[in-house]
Amino acid sequence: MPITCPICGEEGYVERRSVGRSVYLYAVHYYVSSGRSRVYKCYLGPEEPYKYVDRFYRLGLSGIATMNSQRLLEALERMLAIVEAKIERDRKMMKQAIDILNRSLKRLRKEHEALQSNIS
């Protein structure tokens, strides 16, 4: 089943690769270059989370500043969907998520108001 890759934004499909007892996920993309079929893969992470996966995701977010606006908003939406699914079962996390989102919303509203006043 085709997916939109969360890393590069291109359409592809998910490949599972077993290494020892672990399974890792990749988004596989096909394209044609100089008349030849090519393939490239984006690493999506382990199928099952493990305690050191946090290191990968911190590094993975370093490229976020280079994303175009649309891809950045899509990534934000996907991350919020994951948080929403997890907080349904965790009231403490729900309160923390609400606090983080309220602070961010307050900053965004201030910035928006400042931009609007500069336009007028």
PDB file of N, CA and C in Angstrom:
ATOM      1  N   MET A   1       0.846  -1.166   0.000  1.00  0.00           N
ATOM      2  CA  MET A   1       0.000   0.000   0.000  1.00  0.00           C
ATOM      3  C   MET A   1       0.898   1.239   0.000  1.00  0.00           C
ATOM      4  N   PRO A   2       0.663   2.177  -0.913  1.00  0.00           N
ATOM      5  CA  PRO A   2       1.493   3.384  -0.987  1.00  0.00           C
ATOM      6  C   PRO A   2       1.336   4.258   0.261  1.00  0.00           C
ATOM      7  N   ILE A   3       2.436   4.913   0.618  1.00  0.00           N
ATOM      8  CA  ILE A   3       2.437   5.858   1.738  1.00  0.00           C
ATOM      9  C   ILE A   3       3.120   7.143   1.279  1.00  0.00           C
ATOM     10  N   THR A   4       2.920   8.202   2.037  1.00  0.00           N
ATOM     11  CA  THR A   4       3.715   9.412   1.861  1.00  0.00           C
ATOM     12  C   THR A   4       4.819   9.344   2.911  1.00  0.00           C
ATOM     13  N   CYS A   5       6.045   9.368   2.464  1.00  0.00           N
ATOM     14  CA  CYS A   5       7.193   9.226   3.363  1.00  0.00           C
ATOM     15  C   CYS A   5       7.282  10.420   4.316  1.00  0.00           C
ATOM     16  N   PRO A   6       7.362  10.157   5.635  1.00  0.00           N
ATOM     17  CA  PRO A   6       7.490  11.256   6.587  1.00  0.00           C
ATOM     18  C   PRO A   6       8.875  11.909   6.568  1.00  0.00           C
ATOM     19  N   ILE A   7       9.835  11.287   5.913  1.00  0.00           N
ATOM     20  CA  ILE A   7      11.195  11.831   5.850  1.00  0.00           C
ATOM     21  C   ILE A   7      11.356  12.775   4.658  1.00  0.00           C
ATOM     22  N   CYS A   8      11.005  12.292   3.455  1.00  0.00           N
ATOM     23  CA  CYS A   8      11.252  13.095   2.252  1.00  0.00           C
ATOM     24  C   CYS A   8       9.982  13.633   1.604  1.00  0.00           C
ATOM     25  N   GLY A   9       8.816  13.120   2.011  1.00  0.00           N
ATOM     26  CA  GLY A   9       7.557  13.602   1.462  1.00  0.00           C
ATOM     27  C   GLY A   9       7.151  12.958   0.146  1.00  0.00           C
ATOM     28  N   GLU A  10       7.973  12.056  -0.392  1.00  0.00           N
ATOM     29  CA  GLU A  10       7.660  11.381  -1.650  1.00  0.00           C
ATOM     30  C   GLU A  10       6.793  10.145  -1.391  1.00  0.00           C
ATOM     31  N   GLU A  11       6.090   9.703  -2.430  1.00  0.00           N
ATOM     32  CA  GLU A  11       5.282   8.494  -2.316  1.00  0.00           C
ATOM     33  C   GLU A  11       6.186   7.271  -2.391  1.00  0.00           C
ATOM     34  N   GLY A  12       5.846   6.240  -1.649  1.00  0.00           N
ATOM     35  CA  GLY A  12       6.625   5.003  -1.646  1.00  0.00           C
ATOM     36  C   GLY A  12       5.841   3.919  -0.944  1.00  0.00           C
ATOM     37  N   TYR A  13       6.544   2.859  -0.567  1.00  0.00           N
ATOM     38  CA  TYR A  13       5.902   1.821   0.226  1.00  0.00           C
ATOM     39  C   TYR A  13       6.849   1.416   1.343  1.00  0.00           C
ATOM     40  N   VAL A  14       6.292   0.752   2.361  1.00  0.00           N
ATOM     41  CA  VAL A  14       7.080   0.387   3.538  1.00  0.00           C
ATOM     42  C   VAL A  14       7.711  -0.985   3.330  1.00  0.00           C
ATOM     43  N   GLU A  15       8.993  -1.051   3.633  1.00  0.00           N
ATOM     44  CA  GLU A  15       9.733  -2.312   3.595  1.00  0.00           C
ATOM     45  C   GLU A  15      10.170  -2.646   5.011  1.00  0.00           C
ATOM     46  N   ARG A  16       9.996  -3.898   5.404  1.00  0.00           N
ATOM     47  CA  ARG A  16      10.455  -4.370   6.709  1.00  0.00           C
ATOM     48  C   ARG A  16      11.764  -5.120   6.499  1.00  0.00           C
ATOM     49  N   ARG A  17      12.796  -4.776   7.288  1.00  0.00           N
ATOM     50  CA  ARG A  17      14.089  -5.440   7.175  1.00  0.00           C
ATOM     51  C   ARG A  17      14.473  -6.003   8.543  1.00  0.00           C
ATOM     52  N   SER A  18      14.692  -7.326   8.598  1.00  0.00           N
ATOM     53  CA  SER A  18      15.068  -7.979   9.853  1.00  0.00           C
ATOM     54  C   SER A  18      16.582  -7.993   9.998  1.00  0.00           C
ATOM     55  N   VAL A  19      17.041  -7.582  11.167  1.00  0.00           N
ATOM     56  CA  VAL A  19      18.460  -7.633  11.503  1.00  0.00           C
ATOM     57  C   VAL A  19      18.533  -8.262  12.898  1.00  0.00           C
ATOM     58  N   GLY A  20      18.991  -9.497  12.955  1.00  0.00           N
ATOM     59  CA  GLY A  20      18.974 -10.206  14.238  1.00  0.00           C
ATOM     60  C   GLY A  20      17.534 -10.395  14.692  1.00  0.00           C
ATOM     61  N   ARG A  21      17.260  -9.977  15.927  1.00  0.00           N
ATOM     62  CA  ARG A  21      15.899 -10.093  16.459  1.00  0.00           C
ATOM     63  C   ARG A  21      15.091  -8.817  16.261  1.00  0.00           C
ATOM     64  N   SER A  22      15.663  -7.808  15.643  1.00  0.00           N
ATOM     65  CA  SER A  22      14.980  -6.527  15.445  1.00  0.00           C
ATOM     66  C   SER A  22      14.470  -6.396  14.007  1.00  0.00           C
ATOM     67  N   VAL A  23      13.398  -5.624  13.855  1.00  0.00           N
ATOM     68  CA  VAL A  23      12.842  -5.341  12.528  1.00  0.00           C
ATOM     69  C   VAL A  23      12.845  -3.833  12.347  1.00  0.00           C
ATOM     70  N   TYR A  24      13.400  -3.372  11.228  1.00  0.00           N
ATOM     71  CA  TYR A  24      13.490  -1.947  10.939  1.00  0.00           C
ATOM     72  C   TYR A  24      12.641  -1.616   9.716  1.00  0.00           C
ATOM     73  N   LEU A  25      12.081  -0.423   9.703  1.00  0.00           N
ATOM     74  CA  LEU A  25      11.198   0.002   8.623  1.00  0.00           C
ATOM     75  C   LEU A  25      11.887   1.039   7.733  1.00  0.00           C
ATOM     76  N   TYR A  26      11.658   0.907   6.432  1.00  0.00           N
ATOM     77  CA  TYR A  26      12.193   1.827   5.435  1.00  0.00           C
ATOM     78  C   TYR A  26      11.069   2.217   4.479  1.00  0.00           C
ATOM     79  N   ALA A  27      11.081   3.440   4.014  1.00  0.00           N
ATOM     80  CA  ALA A  27      10.198   3.845   2.925  1.00  0.00           C
ATOM     81  C   ALA A  27      11.006   3.670   1.647  1.00  0.00           C
ATOM     82  N   VAL A  28      10.472   2.897   0.710  1.00  0.00           N
ATOM     83  CA  VAL A  28      11.165   2.593  -0.538  1.00  0.00           C
ATOM     84  C   VAL A  28      10.540   3.433  -1.649  1.00  0.00           C
ATOM     85  N   HIS A  29      11.400   4.118  -2.414  1.00  0.00           N
ATOM     86  CA  HIS A  29      10.952   5.004  -3.489  1.00  0.00           C
ATOM     87  C   HIS A  29      11.616   4.582  -4.794  1.00  0.00           C
ATOM     88  N   TYR A  30      10.827   4.545  -5.873  1.00  0.00           N
ATOM     89  CA  TYR A  30      11.354   4.243  -7.205  1.00  0.00           C
ATOM     90  C   TYR A  30      11.269   5.493  -8.064  1.00  0.00           C
ATOM     91  N   TYR A  31      12.268   5.678  -8.916  1.00  0.00           N
ATOM     92  CA  TYR A  31      12.263   6.792  -9.867  1.00  0.00           C
ATOM     93  C   TYR A  31      13.092   6.395 -11.084  1.00  0.00           C
ATOM     94  N   VAL A  32      12.944   7.146 -12.153  1.00  0.00           N
ATOM     95  CA  VAL A  32      13.684   6.874 -13.384  1.00  0.00           C
ATOM     96  C   VAL A  32      14.698   7.992 -13.576  1.00  0.00           C
ATOM     97  N   SER A  33      15.953   7.605 -13.837  1.00  0.00           N
ATOM     98  CA  SER A  33      17.025   8.558 -14.083  1.00  0.00           C
ATOM     99  C   SER A  33      17.848   8.051 -15.256  1.00  0.00           C
ATOM    100  N   SER A  34      18.026   8.896 -16.261  1.00  0.00           N
ATOM    101  CA  SER A  34      18.777   8.525 -17.470  1.00  0.00           C
ATOM    102  C   SER A  34      18.220   7.250 -18.101  1.00  0.00           C
ATOM    103  N   GLY A  35      16.902   7.116 -18.065  1.00  0.00           N
ATOM    104  CA  GLY A  35      16.260   5.960 -18.682  1.00  0.00           C
ATOM    105  C   GLY A  35      16.353   4.675 -17.882  1.00  0.00           C
ATOM    106  N   ARG A  36      16.916   4.733 -16.685  1.00  0.00           N
ATOM    107  CA  ARG A  36      17.062   3.526 -15.850  1.00  0.00           C
ATOM    108  C   ARG A  36      16.247   3.674 -14.579  1.00  0.00           C
ATOM    109  N   SER A  37      15.651   2.576 -14.149  1.00  0.00           N
ATOM    110  CA  SER A  37      14.914   2.569 -12.886  1.00  0.00           C
ATOM    111  C   SER A  37      15.898   2.606 -11.728  1.00  0.00           C
ATOM    112  N   ARG A  38      15.606   3.448 -10.774  1.00  0.00           N
ATOM    113  CA  ARG A  38      16.449   3.595  -9.579  1.00  0.00           C
ATOM    114  C   ARG A  38      15.576   3.426  -8.346  1.00  0.00           C
ATOM    115  N   VAL A  39      16.209   3.172  -7.234  1.00  0.00           N
ATOM    116  CA  VAL A  39      15.496   3.046  -5.965  1.00  0.00           C
ATOM    117  C   VAL A  39      16.287   3.763  -4.887  1.00  0.00           C
ATOM    118  N   TYR A  40      15.594   4.400  -3.969  1.00  0.00           N
ATOM    119  CA  TYR A  40      16.250   4.913  -2.764  1.00  0.00           C
ATOM    120  C   TYR A  40      15.332   4.652  -1.595  1.00  0.00           C
ATOM    121  N   LYS A  41      15.927   4.564  -0.411  1.00  0.00           N
ATOM    122  CA  LYS A  41      15.180   4.217   0.791  1.00  0.00           C
ATOM    123  C   LYS A  41      15.436   5.242   1.883  1.00  0.00           C
ATOM    124  N   CYS A  42      14.371   5.562   2.606  1.00  0.00           N
ATOM    125  CA  CYS A  42      14.470   6.438   3.775  1.00  0.00           C
ATOM    126  C   CYS A  42      14.243   5.594   5.031  1.00  0.00           C
ATOM    127  N   TYR A  43      15.133   5.705   5.981  1.00  0.00           N
ATOM    128  CA  TYR A  43      14.994   4.963   7.232  1.00  0.00           C
ATOM    129  C   TYR A  43      13.880   5.579   8.071  1.00  0.00           C
ATOM    130  N   LEU A  44      12.896   4.756   8.459  1.00  0.00           N
ATOM    131  CA  LEU A  44      11.772   5.234   9.251  1.00  0.00           C
ATOM    132  C   LEU A  44      11.916   4.906  10.739  1.00  0.00           C
ATOM    133  N   GLY A  45      12.762   3.934  11.047  1.00  0.00           N
ATOM    134  CA  GLY A  45      12.963   3.580  12.457  1.00  0.00           C
ATOM    135  C   GLY A  45      12.609   2.131  12.717  1.00  0.00           C
ATOM    136  N   PRO A  46      12.742   1.721  13.971  1.00  0.00           N
ATOM    137  CA  PRO A  46      12.446   0.338  14.335  1.00  0.00           C
ATOM    138  C   PRO A  46      10.936   0.093  14.341  1.00  0.00           C
ATOM    139  N   GLU A  47      10.558  -1.142  14.029  1.00  0.00           N
ATOM    140  CA  GLU A  47       9.138  -1.485  14.061  1.00  0.00           C
ATOM    141  C   GLU A  47       8.626  -1.440  15.502  1.00  0.00           C
ATOM    142  N   GLU A  48       9.411  -1.942  16.417  1.00  0.00           N
ATOM    143  CA  GLU A  48       9.075  -1.885  17.836  1.00  0.00           C
ATOM    144  C   GLU A  48      10.021  -0.904  18.508  1.00  0.00           C
ATOM    145  N   PRO A  49       9.499   0.019  19.299  1.00  0.00           N
ATOM    146  CA  PRO A  49      10.386   0.994  19.955  1.00  0.00           C
ATOM    147  C   PRO A  49      11.332   0.309  20.942  1.00  0.00           C
ATOM    148  N   TYR A  50      12.488   0.894  21.113  1.00  0.00           N
ATOM    149  CA  TYR A  50      13.423   0.411  22.111  1.00  0.00           C
ATOM    150  C   TYR A  50      14.014   1.611  22.837  1.00  0.00           C
ATOM    151  N   LYS A  51      14.722   1.362  23.900  1.00  0.00           N
ATOM    152  CA  LYS A  51      15.077   2.466  24.788  1.00  0.00           C
ATOM    153  C   LYS A  51      16.043   3.479  24.185  1.00  0.00           C
ATOM    154  N   TYR A  52      16.781   3.162  23.127  1.00  0.00           N
ATOM    155  CA  TYR A  52      17.711   4.128  22.562  1.00  0.00           C
ATOM    156  C   TYR A  52      17.156   4.821  21.319  1.00  0.00           C
ATOM    157  N   VAL A  53      15.922   4.547  20.930  1.00  0.00           N
ATOM    158  CA  VAL A  53      15.351   5.155  19.736  1.00  0.00           C
ATOM    159  C   VAL A  53      15.279   6.673  19.864  1.00  0.00           C
ATOM    160  N   ASP A  54      15.198   7.181  21.089  1.00  0.00           N
ATOM    161  CA  ASP A  54      15.152   8.627  21.318  1.00  0.00           C
ATOM    162  C   ASP A  54      16.344   9.326  20.682  1.00  0.00           C
ATOM    163  N   ARG A  55      17.511   8.706  20.712  1.00  0.00           N
ATOM    164  CA  ARG A  55      18.702   9.314  20.106  1.00  0.00           C
ATOM    165  C   ARG A  55      18.504   9.531  18.616  1.00  0.00           C
ATOM    166  N   PHE A  56      17.922   8.556  17.930  1.00  0.00           N
ATOM    167  CA  PHE A  56      17.685   8.685  16.492  1.00  0.00           C
ATOM    168  C   PHE A  56      16.737   9.838  16.207  1.00  0.00           C
ATOM    169  N   TYR A  57      15.652   9.921  16.944  1.00  0.00           N
ATOM    170  CA  TYR A  57      14.667  10.948  16.633  1.00  0.00           C
ATOM    171  C   TYR A  57      15.187  12.349  16.911  1.00  0.00           C
ATOM    172  N   ARG A  58      16.026  12.528  17.927  1.00  0.00           N
ATOM    173  CA  ARG A  58      16.621  13.850  18.134  1.00  0.00           C
ATOM    174  C   ARG A  58      17.478  14.220  16.935  1.00  0.00           C
ATOM    175  N   LEU A  59      18.255  13.283  16.447  1.00  0.00           N
ATOM    176  CA  LEU A  59      19.087  13.562  15.276  1.00  0.00           C
ATOM    177  C   LEU A  59      18.217  13.766  14.046  1.00  0.00           C
ATOM    178  N   GLY A  60      17.146  12.993  13.929  1.00  0.00           N
ATOM    179  CA  GLY A  60      16.266  13.095  12.781  1.00  0.00           C
ATOM    180  C   GLY A  60      15.589  14.446  12.680  1.00  0.00           C
ATOM    181  N   LEU A  61      15.417  15.123  13.795  1.00  0.00           N
ATOM    182  CA  LEU A  61      14.761  16.419  13.775  1.00  0.00           C
ATOM    183  C   LEU A  61      15.715  17.549  13.394  1.00  0.00           C
ATOM    184  N   SER A  62      17.006  17.259  13.279  1.00  0.00           N
ATOM    185  CA  SER A  62      17.944  18.326  12.945  1.00  0.00           C
ATOM    186  C   SER A  62      17.679  18.895  11.554  1.00  0.00           C
ATOM    187  N   GLY A  63      17.104  18.104  10.657  1.00  0.00           N
ATOM    188  CA  GLY A  63      16.813  18.570   9.310  1.00  0.00           C
ATOM    189  C   GLY A  63      15.496  19.312   9.190  1.00  0.00           C
ATOM    190  N   ILE A  64      14.799  19.440  10.295  1.00  0.00           N
ATOM    191  CA  ILE A  64      13.471  20.049  10.261  1.00  0.00           C
ATOM    192  C   ILE A  64      13.532  21.509   9.820  1.00  0.00           C
ATOM    193  N   ALA A  65      14.612  22.194  10.123  1.00  0.00           N
ATOM    194  CA  ALA A  65      14.732  23.613   9.761  1.00  0.00           C
ATOM    195  C   ALA A  65      14.841  23.811   8.258  1.00  0.00           C
ATOM    196  N   THR A  66      15.236  22.773   7.529  1.00  0.00           N
ATOM    197  CA  THR A  66      15.380  22.892   6.079  1.00  0.00           C
ATOM    198  C   THR A  66      14.115  22.494   5.325  1.00  0.00           C
ATOM    199  N   MET A  67      13.092  22.008   6.041  1.00  0.00           N
ATOM    200  CA  MET A  67      11.842  21.608   5.386  1.00  0.00           C
ATOM    201  C   MET A  67      11.097  22.832   4.865  1.00  0.00           C
ATOM    202  N   ASN A  68      10.379  22.643   3.754  1.00  0.00           N
ATOM    203  CA  ASN A  68       9.537  23.733   3.294  1.00  0.00           C
ATOM    204  C   ASN A  68       8.316  23.810   4.218  1.00  0.00           C
ATOM    205  N   SER A  69       7.585  24.909   4.145  1.00  0.00           N
ATOM    206  CA  SER A  69       6.480  25.160   5.077  1.00  0.00           C
ATOM    207  C   SER A  69       5.429  24.066   5.052  1.00  0.00           C
ATOM    208  N   GLN A  70       5.065  23.601   3.872  1.00  0.00           N
ATOM    209  CA  GLN A  70       4.016  22.590   3.767  1.00  0.00           C
ATOM    210  C   GLN A  70       4.439  21.284   4.429  1.00  0.00           C
ATOM    211  N   ARG A  71       5.671  20.829   4.156  1.00  0.00           N
ATOM    212  CA  ARG A  71       6.160  19.580   4.766  1.00  0.00           C
ATOM    213  C   ARG A  71       6.281  19.725   6.271  1.00  0.00           C
ATOM    214  N   LEU A  72       6.678  20.904   6.739  1.00  0.00           N
ATOM    215  CA  LEU A  72       6.788  21.139   8.174  1.00  0.00           C
ATOM    216  C   LEU A  72       5.423  21.040   8.841  1.00  0.00           C
ATOM    217  N   LEU A  73       4.400  21.634   8.217  1.00  0.00           N
ATOM    218  CA  LEU A  73       3.049  21.551   8.773  1.00  0.00           C
ATOM    219  C   LEU A  73       2.522  20.111   8.749  1.00  0.00           C
ATOM    220  N   GLU A  74       2.843  19.371   7.691  1.00  0.00           N
ATOM    221  CA  GLU A  74       2.422  17.970   7.620  1.00  0.00           C
ATOM    222  C   GLU A  74       3.097  17.149   8.717  1.00  0.00           C
ATOM    223  N   ALA A  75       4.384  17.405   8.963  1.00  0.00           N
ATOM    224  CA  ALA A  75       5.096  16.695  10.031  1.00  0.00           C
ATOM    225  C   ALA A  75       4.493  17.034  11.390  1.00  0.00           C
ATOM    226  N   LEU A  76       4.166  18.292  11.597  1.00  0.00           N
ATOM    227  CA  LEU A  76       3.540  18.714  12.848  1.00  0.00           C
ATOM    228  C   LEU A  76       2.221  17.986  13.048  1.00  0.00           C
ATOM    229  N   GLU A  77       1.429  17.910  11.988  1.00  0.00           N
ATOM    230  CA  GLU A  77       0.133  17.236  12.082  1.00  0.00           C
ATOM    231  C   GLU A  77       0.296  15.754  12.425  1.00  0.00           C
ATOM    232  N   ARG A  78       1.284  15.087  11.803  1.00  0.00           N
ATOM    233  CA  ARG A  78       1.527  13.668  12.105  1.00  0.00           C
ATOM    234  C   ARG A  78       1.979  13.491  13.550  1.00  0.00           C
ATOM    235  N   MET A  79       2.870  14.369  14.020  1.00  0.00           N
ATOM    236  CA  MET A  79       3.343  14.260  15.409  1.00  0.00           C
ATOM    237  C   MET A  79       2.202  14.484  16.390  1.00  0.00           C
ATOM    238  N   LEU A  80       1.341  15.446  16.102  1.00  0.00           N
ATOM    239  CA  LEU A  80       0.194  15.699  16.982  1.00  0.00           C
ATOM    240  C   LEU A  80      -0.753  14.510  17.013  1.00  0.00           C
ATOM    241  N   ALA A  81      -0.937  13.833  15.878  1.00  0.00           N
ATOM    242  CA  ALA A  81      -1.797  12.647  15.845  1.00  0.00           C
ATOM    243  C   ALA A  81      -1.229  11.541  16.737  1.00  0.00           C
ATOM    244  N   ILE A  82       0.090  11.389  16.727  1.00  0.00           N
ATOM    245  CA  ILE A  82       0.731  10.380  17.577  1.00  0.00           C
ATOM    246  C   ILE A  82       0.549  10.743  19.045  1.00  0.00           C
ATOM    247  N   VAL A  83       0.773  12.011  19.372  1.00  0.00           N
ATOM    248  CA  VAL A  83       0.610  12.466  20.760  1.00  0.00           C
ATOM    249  C   VAL A  83      -0.835  12.261  21.206  1.00  0.00           C
ATOM    250  N   GLU A  84      -1.796  12.629  20.354  1.00  0.00           N
ATOM    251  CA  GLU A  84      -3.204  12.466  20.704  1.00  0.00           C
ATOM    252  C   GLU A  84      -3.542  11.007  21.001  1.00  0.00           C
ATOM    253  N   ALA A  85      -3.014  10.089  20.199  1.00  0.00           N
ATOM    254  CA  ALA A  85      -3.288   8.669  20.415  1.00  0.00           C
ATOM    255  C   ALA A  85      -2.717   8.190  21.749  1.00  0.00           C
ATOM    256  N   LYS A  86      -1.547   8.706  22.117  1.00  0.00           N
ATOM    257  CA  LYS A  86      -0.923   8.283  23.367  1.00  0.00           C
ATOM    258  C   LYS A  86      -1.556   8.926  24.598  1.00  0.00           C
ATOM    259  N   ILE A  87      -1.968  10.178  24.500  1.00  0.00           N
ATOM    260  CA  ILE A  87      -2.465  10.866  25.694  1.00  0.00           C
ATOM    261  C   ILE A  87      -3.852  10.400  26.108  1.00  0.00           C
ATOM    262  N   GLU A  88      -4.556   9.726  25.215  1.00  0.00           N
ATOM    263  CA  GLU A  88      -5.868   9.209  25.593  1.00  0.00           C
ATOM    264  C   GLU A  88      -5.773   8.282  26.793  1.00  0.00           C
ATOM    265  N   ARG A  89      -4.634   7.652  26.990  1.00  0.00           N
ATOM    266  CA  ARG A  89      -4.460   6.691  28.076  1.00  0.00           C
ATOM    267  C   ARG A  89      -3.640   7.241  29.233  1.00  0.00           C
ATOM    268  N   ASP A  90      -3.189   8.490  29.138  1.00  0.00           N
ATOM    269  CA  ASP A  90      -2.278   9.022  30.152  1.00  0.00           C
ATOM    270  C   ASP A  90      -2.675  10.449  30.514  1.00  0.00           C
ATOM    271  N   ARG A  91      -3.376  10.610  31.634  1.00  0.00           N
ATOM    272  CA  ARG A  91      -3.876  11.928  32.043  1.00  0.00           C
ATOM    273  C   ARG A  91      -2.750  12.919  32.327  1.00  0.00           C
ATOM    274  N   LYS A  92      -1.641  12.467  32.910  1.00  0.00           N
ATOM    275  CA  LYS A  92      -0.526  13.372  33.199  1.00  0.00           C
ATOM    276  C   LYS A  92       0.067  13.904  31.896  1.00  0.00           C
ATOM    277  N   MET A  93       0.242  13.007  30.921  1.00  0.00           N
ATOM    278  CA  MET A  93       0.771  13.441  29.627  1.00  0.00           C
ATOM    279  C   MET A  93      -0.209  14.393  28.956  1.00  0.00           C
ATOM    280  N   MET A  94      -1.508  14.153  29.131  1.00  0.00           N
ATOM    281  CA  MET A  94      -2.517  15.021  28.525  1.00  0.00           C
ATOM    282  C   MET A  94      -2.368  16.441  29.047  1.00  0.00           C
ATOM    283  N   LYS A  95      -2.190  16.597  30.361  1.00  0.00           N
ATOM    284  CA  LYS A  95      -2.036  17.935  30.945  1.00  0.00           C
ATOM    285  C   LYS A  95      -0.760  18.594  30.427  1.00  0.00           C
ATOM    286  N   GLN A  96       0.325  17.843  30.366  1.00  0.00           N
ATOM    287  CA  GLN A  96       1.589  18.390  29.867  1.00  0.00           C
ATOM    288  C   GLN A  96       1.458  18.811  28.397  1.00  0.00           C
ATOM    289  N   ALA A  97       0.791  17.993  27.586  1.00  0.00           N
ATOM    290  CA  ALA A  97       0.609  18.333  26.168  1.00  0.00           C
ATOM    291  C   ALA A  97      -0.228  19.601  26.026  1.00  0.00           C
ATOM    292  N   ILE A  98      -1.275  19.718  26.837  1.00  0.00           N
ATOM    293  CA  ILE A  98      -2.119  20.913  26.788  1.00  0.00           C
ATOM    294  C   ILE A  98      -1.310  22.147  27.167  1.00  0.00           C
ATOM    295  N   ASP A  99      -0.469  22.044  28.196  1.00  0.00           N
ATOM    296  CA  ASP A  99       0.371  23.174  28.605  1.00  0.00           C
ATOM    297  C   ASP A  99       1.331  23.582  27.490  1.00  0.00           C
ATOM    298  N   ILE A 100       1.982  22.603  26.867  1.00  0.00           N
ATOM    299  CA  ILE A 100       2.922  22.888  25.776  1.00  0.00           C
ATOM    300  C   ILE A 100       2.199  23.553  24.608  1.00  0.00           C
ATOM    301  N   LEU A 101       1.060  23.004  24.224  1.00  0.00           N
ATOM    302  CA  LEU A 101       0.302  23.562  23.100  1.00  0.00           C
ATOM    303  C   LEU A 101      -0.220  24.959  23.410  1.00  0.00           C
ATOM    304  N   ASN A 102      -0.676  25.200  24.644  1.00  0.00           N
ATOM    305  CA  ASN A 102      -1.154  26.537  25.019  1.00  0.00           C
ATOM    306  C   ASN A 102      -0.030  27.571  24.952  1.00  0.00           C
ATOM    307  N   ARG A 103       1.169  27.211  25.444  1.00  0.00           N
ATOM    308  CA  ARG A 103       2.312  28.134  25.370  1.00  0.00           C
ATOM    309  C   ARG A 103       2.668  28.440  23.916  1.00  0.00           C
ATOM    310  N   SER A 104       2.684  27.402  23.090  1.00  0.00           N
ATOM    311  CA  SER A 104       3.010  27.591  21.684  1.00  0.00           C
ATOM    312  C   SER A 104       1.949  28.439  20.985  1.00  0.00           C
ATOM    313  N   LEU A 105       0.692  28.172  21.270  1.00  0.00           N
ATOM    314  CA  LEU A 105      -0.390  28.941  20.671  1.00  0.00           C
ATOM    315  C   LEU A 105      -0.313  30.412  21.073  1.00  0.00           C
ATOM    316  N   LYS A 106       0.035  30.668  22.328  1.00  0.00           N
ATOM    317  CA  LYS A 106       0.169  32.051  22.809  1.00  0.00           C
ATOM    318  C   LYS A 106       1.281  32.779  22.040  1.00  0.00           C
ATOM    319  N   ARG A 107       2.438  32.105  21.854  1.00  0.00           N
ATOM    320  CA  ARG A 107       3.546  32.707  21.105  1.00  0.00           C
ATOM    321  C   ARG A 107       3.152  32.956  19.649  1.00  0.00           C
ATOM    322  N   LEU A 108       2.477  31.995  19.043  1.00  0.00           N
ATOM    323  CA  LEU A 108       2.058  32.147  17.646  1.00  0.00           C
ATOM    324  C   LEU A 108       1.058  33.295  17.482  1.00  0.00           C
ATOM    325  N   ARG A 109       0.134  33.420  18.419  1.00  0.00           N
ATOM    326  CA  ARG A 109      -0.837  34.513  18.340  1.00  0.00           C
ATOM    327  C   ARG A 109      -0.151  35.867  18.474  1.00  0.00           C
ATOM    328  N   LYS A 110       0.832  35.975  19.390  1.00  0.00           N
ATOM    329  CA  LYS A 110       1.571  37.235  19.543  1.00  0.00           C
ATOM    330  C   LYS A 110       2.310  37.575  18.259  1.00  0.00           C
ATOM    331  N   GLU A 111       2.951  36.587  17.671  1.00  0.00           N
ATOM    332  CA  GLU A 111       3.692  36.794  16.423  1.00  0.00           C
ATOM    333  C   GLU A 111       2.736  37.194  15.299  1.00  0.00           C
ATOM    334  N   HIS A 112       1.595  36.547  15.231  1.00  0.00           N
ATOM    335  CA  HIS A 112       0.602  36.863  14.204  1.00  0.00           C
ATOM    336  C   HIS A 112       0.098  38.295  14.368  1.00  0.00           C
ATOM    337  N   GLU A 113      -0.193  38.696  15.603  1.00  0.00           N
ATOM    338  CA  GLU A 113      -0.648  40.063  15.861  1.00  0.00           C
ATOM    339  C   GLU A 113       0.420  41.083  15.468  1.00  0.00           C
ATOM    340  N   ALA A 114       1.681  40.780  15.773  1.00  0.00           N
ATOM    341  CA  ALA A 114       2.784  41.687  15.419  1.00  0.00           C
ATOM    342  C   ALA A 114       2.895  41.810  13.898  1.00  0.00           C
ATOM    343  N   LEU A 115       2.753  40.692  13.181  1.00  0.00           N
ATOM    344  CA  LEU A 115       2.806  40.748  11.727  1.00  0.00           C
ATOM    345  C   LEU A 115       1.644  41.543  11.158  1.00  0.00           C
ATOM    346  N   GLN A 116       0.457  41.357  11.741  1.00  0.00           N
ATOM    347  CA  GLN A 116      -0.717  42.092  11.275  1.00  0.00           C
ATOM    348  C   GLN A 116      -0.561  43.606  11.503  1.00  0.00           C
ATOM    349  N   SER A 117       0.010  43.972  12.634  1.00  0.00           N
ATOM    350  CA  SER A 117       0.186  45.404  12.911  1.00  0.00           C
ATOM    351  C   SER A 117       1.241  46.032  11.997  1.00  0.00           C
ATOM    352  N   ASN A 118       2.224  45.251  11.559  1.00  0.00           N
ATOM    353  CA  ASN A 118       3.243  45.742  10.619  1.00  0.00           C
ATOM    354  C   ASN A 118       2.656  45.941   9.221  1.00  0.00           C
ATOM    355  N   ILE A 119       1.655  45.146   8.886  1.00  0.00           N
ATOM    356  CA  ILE A 119       1.021  45.256   7.576  1.00  0.00           C
ATOM    357  C   ILE A 119       0.144  46.495   7.509  1.00  0.00           C
ATOM    358  N   SER A 120      -0.517  46.808   8.619  1.00  0.00           N
ATOM    359  CA  SER A 120      -1.453  47.944   8.638  1.00  0.00           C
ATOM    360  C   SER A 120      -0.773  49.275   8.582  1.00  0.00           C
TER     361      SER A 120
END
